[in-house]
Amino acid sequence: MKVSLGPLTLILLFLASNVSHQAQSRSQSLPTVALIVDREISRIEELIVDVAEAMPEDKYNFSPEALNIAGSDYKGVFSFAAQIKHVAASNYFLFSSVTGDKVRAKIFNDGKGPDDLKIKADILKFLKDSFALGHRAASTLTVENMLQSPAGGKSARLHVAEFGIAESYNHYGQMVEYLRMNGIVPPASRKKSD
């Protein structure tokens, strides 16, 4: 009995080609470092902006110190507005080191943000602009450069970006408590789970 290798060879070539194409498609659909960090920035951005928008403007200067809770020590803690400005100033400081941009001293202001930002709309714009810089910083991260230190820095670019995200979560937790101290349910707690 004589077996023809022609059709079998064609089938094997087709299957090999298909497997190769599928492997290539899978590798193209894998998330990049930039995409992963950008998603993390988007998540904390949504949480913090929602909280910042939920606090009424007349409560932006609220600090737990004003509650005079017996046995507490809130003397000198940030007001709600100062929390937001600090997050934004920290974002500018950290994310600009990832992008290589220079941060003006007025913007960082020892982590306090610009002194002239007093009204809610201006503070929110400062916050949103700082997260826009975060997204730009995330887009610069690659497998090749994520472990490199930015110019003049000692930490890897990925670490600096992730520290910015972690710092924002720290202040988000505090801002949630400020809302609750004012009888406001935080937006994330109002959402129904899917």
Protein backbone atom coordinates (compact mmCIF):
# COMPACT_ATOMS: atom_id res chain seq x y z
CA MET A 1 0.00 0.00 0.00
CA LYS A 2 1.40 3.35 -1.03
CA VAL A 3 0.75 6.42 1.27
CA SER A 4 0.81 9.86 -0.20
CA LEU A 5 2.60 12.41 2.00
CA GLY A 6 1.33 15.39 0.02
CA PRO A 7 -2.04 15.94 1.76
CA LEU A 8 -0.64 14.97 5.18
CA THR A 9 2.23 17.40 4.78
CA LEU A 10 -0.19 20.17 3.80
CA ILE A 11 -2.35 19.46 6.84
CA LEU A 12 0.68 19.54 9.17
CA LEU A 13 1.90 22.77 7.61
CA PHE A 14 -1.55 24.31 8.01
CA LEU A 15 -1.75 23.24 11.67
CA ALA A 16 1.77 24.50 12.40
CA SER A 17 0.96 27.81 10.76
CA ASN A 18 -2.28 28.09 12.74
CA VAL A 19 -0.54 27.29 16.05
CA SER A 20 2.17 29.85 15.26
CA HIS A 21 -0.44 32.50 14.44
CA GLN A 22 -2.36 31.77 17.66
CA ALA A 23 0.82 32.04 19.75
CA GLN A 24 1.66 35.33 18.05
CA SER A 25 -1.88 36.64 18.68
CA ARG A 26 -1.69 35.65 22.35
CA SER A 27 1.62 37.44 22.82
CA GLN A 28 0.22 40.55 21.16
CA SER A 29 -2.82 40.54 23.46
CA LEU A 30 -0.80 40.19 26.66
CA PRO A 31 -0.90 43.41 28.67
CA THR A 32 2.20 45.57 28.70
CA VAL A 33 3.82 47.07 31.78
CA ALA A 34 2.49 50.44 30.64
CA LEU A 35 -1.06 49.11 30.37
CA ILE A 36 -0.98 47.42 33.77
CA VAL A 37 0.29 50.55 35.55
CA ASP A 38 -2.14 52.73 33.61
CA ARG A 39 -5.06 50.57 34.77
CA GLU A 40 -3.91 50.94 38.39
CA ILE A 41 -3.69 54.70 37.97
CA SER A 42 -7.18 54.78 36.41
CA ARG A 43 -8.66 52.88 39.34
CA ILE A 44 -7.24 55.13 42.08
CA GLU A 45 -7.97 58.20 39.97
CA GLU A 46 -11.64 57.21 39.76
CA LEU A 47 -11.85 56.60 43.52
CA ILE A 48 -10.14 59.84 44.53
CA VAL A 49 -11.89 62.07 42.00
CA ASP A 50 -15.26 60.60 43.05
CA VAL A 51 -14.50 61.31 46.73
CA ALA A 52 -13.22 64.81 45.93
CA GLU A 53 -16.39 65.56 43.97
CA ALA A 54 -18.64 64.09 46.70
CA MET A 55 -17.44 66.47 49.42
CA PRO A 56 -19.42 69.72 49.32
CA GLU A 57 -17.30 72.80 48.74
CA ASP A 58 -18.25 74.27 52.12
CA LYS A 59 -16.65 71.18 53.75
CA TYR A 60 -13.36 71.32 51.82
CA ASN A 61 -11.60 72.90 54.79
CA PHE A 62 -12.90 70.22 57.17
CA SER A 63 -10.36 68.55 59.41
CA PRO A 64 -11.13 66.00 62.15
CA GLU A 65 -9.43 68.42 64.53
CA ALA A 66 -12.65 70.50 64.42
CA LEU A 67 -14.63 67.62 65.99
CA ASN A 68 -12.81 67.93 69.33
CA ILE A 69 -13.21 64.22 70.03
CA ALA A 70 -12.12 63.45 73.60
CA GLY A 71 -8.87 61.50 73.69
CA SER A 72 -8.11 62.06 70.00
CA ASP A 73 -5.06 63.78 68.64
CA TYR A 74 -6.00 65.33 65.31
CA LYS A 75 -4.07 68.54 65.91
CA GLY A 76 -2.42 69.65 62.70
CA VAL A 77 -3.79 66.95 60.36
CA PHE A 78 -4.54 67.87 56.75
CA SER A 79 -7.88 69.38 55.87
CA PHE A 80 -9.86 67.61 53.15
CA ALA A 81 -8.63 70.13 50.54
CA ALA A 82 -5.05 69.70 51.77
CA GLN A 83 -5.38 65.92 51.35
CA ILE A 84 -6.38 66.36 47.71
CA LYS A 85 -3.68 68.94 47.02
CA HIS A 86 -1.10 66.65 48.62
CA VAL A 87 -2.12 63.71 46.43
CA ALA A 88 -1.90 65.92 43.33
CA ALA A 89 1.44 67.46 44.35
CA SER A 90 2.85 63.99 45.07
CA ASN A 91 1.58 62.78 41.70
CA TYR A 92 3.38 65.64 39.97
CA PHE A 93 6.58 64.98 41.91
CA LEU A 94 6.64 61.21 41.41
CA PHE A 95 5.20 60.83 37.92
CA SER A 96 7.34 63.66 36.51
CA SER A 97 10.44 61.78 37.61
CA VAL A 98 9.21 58.83 35.52
CA THR A 99 8.59 61.03 32.45
CA GLY A 100 11.76 63.08 32.97
CA ASP A 101 9.83 66.35 33.31
CA LYS A 102 10.85 69.04 35.78
CA VAL A 103 8.35 69.93 38.51
CA ARG A 104 8.09 73.59 39.38
CA ALA A 105 8.64 74.26 43.07
CA LYS A 106 5.29 76.10 43.24
CA ILE A 107 3.43 72.97 42.10
CA PHE A 108 5.09 70.65 44.61
CA ASN A 109 5.48 73.20 47.43
CA ASP A 110 6.88 70.65 49.91
CA GLY A 111 4.03 68.27 49.08
CA LYS A 112 1.28 70.82 49.79
CA GLY A 113 0.51 71.93 46.26
CA PRO A 114 0.06 75.55 45.19
CA ASP A 115 -0.98 77.89 48.01
CA ASP A 116 -3.27 79.86 45.70
CA LEU A 117 -5.62 76.91 45.06
CA LYS A 118 -8.56 77.57 47.36
CA ILE A 119 -11.82 76.69 45.59
CA LYS A 120 -13.10 73.20 44.84
CA ALA A 121 -13.09 73.58 41.04
CA ASP A 122 -9.44 74.66 40.98
CA ILE A 123 -8.37 71.92 43.38
CA LEU A 124 -10.22 69.30 41.30
CA LYS A 125 -8.54 70.54 38.11
CA PHE A 126 -5.13 70.31 39.80
CA LEU A 127 -5.95 66.75 40.89
CA LYS A 128 -7.21 65.63 37.47
CA ASP A 129 -4.21 67.19 35.71
CA SER A 130 -1.87 65.32 38.07
CA PHE A 131 -3.49 62.02 37.11
CA ALA A 132 -3.19 62.95 33.42
CA LEU A 133 0.56 63.18 34.05
CA GLY A 134 0.34 59.76 35.74
CA HIS A 135 -1.18 58.26 32.61
CA ARG A 136 1.55 59.84 30.52
CA ALA A 137 4.18 58.43 32.89
CA ALA A 138 2.64 54.96 32.67
CA SER A 139 2.76 55.10 28.88
CA THR A 140 6.55 55.53 29.01
CA LEU A 141 7.16 52.31 30.95
CA THR A 142 8.59 49.39 29.03
CA VAL A 143 10.18 46.08 29.96
CA GLU A 144 13.50 47.62 28.94
CA ASN A 145 13.30 50.78 31.10
CA MET A 146 11.04 49.89 34.05
CA LEU A 147 13.96 48.85 36.27
CA GLN A 148 16.13 51.83 35.33
CA SER A 149 16.39 54.77 37.70
CA PRO A 150 15.16 58.10 36.37
CA ALA A 151 17.87 60.74 36.00
CA GLY A 152 19.11 61.69 39.44
CA GLY A 153 16.95 59.04 41.13
CA LYS A 154 17.78 55.99 43.17
CA SER A 155 14.60 53.95 42.65
CA ALA A 156 13.45 52.15 39.53
CA ARG A 157 10.89 53.90 37.34
CA LEU A 158 8.33 51.15 38.03
CA HIS A 159 8.83 51.54 41.79
CA VAL A 160 8.34 55.30 41.59
CA ALA A 161 5.12 54.90 39.59
CA GLU A 162 3.79 52.22 41.94
CA PHE A 163 4.72 54.31 44.98
CA GLY A 164 2.62 57.15 43.54
CA ILE A 165 -0.35 54.81 43.29
CA ALA A 166 0.16 53.47 46.83
CA GLU A 167 0.48 56.99 48.25
CA SER A 168 -2.82 57.90 46.61
CA TYR A 169 -4.55 54.88 48.18
CA ASN A 170 -3.24 55.93 51.59
CA HIS A 171 -4.85 59.34 51.27
CA TYR A 172 -7.99 57.91 49.69
CA GLY A 173 -8.60 55.96 52.90
CA GLN A 174 -8.26 59.12 54.94
CA MET A 175 -10.56 61.10 52.64
CA VAL A 176 -13.22 58.38 52.90
CA GLU A 177 -13.16 58.83 56.69
CA TYR A 178 -13.48 62.61 56.28
CA LEU A 179 -16.61 62.06 54.17
CA ARG A 180 -18.08 59.70 56.77
CA MET A 181 -17.30 62.15 59.57
CA ASN A 182 -19.51 64.57 57.65
CA GLY A 183 -22.36 62.09 57.18
CA ILE A 184 -21.54 61.41 53.52
CA VAL A 185 -21.45 57.85 52.20
CA PRO A 186 -18.39 57.50 49.94
CA PRO A 187 -19.28 56.96 46.26
CA ALA A 188 -17.58 53.54 46.11
CA SER A 189 -19.76 52.35 48.99
CA ARG A 190 -22.91 53.47 47.16
CA LYS A 191 -22.23 51.35 44.08
CA LYS A 192 -23.94 48.02 43.79
CA SER A 193 -21.71 45.03 43.13
CA ASP A 194 -22.15 43.30 39.79
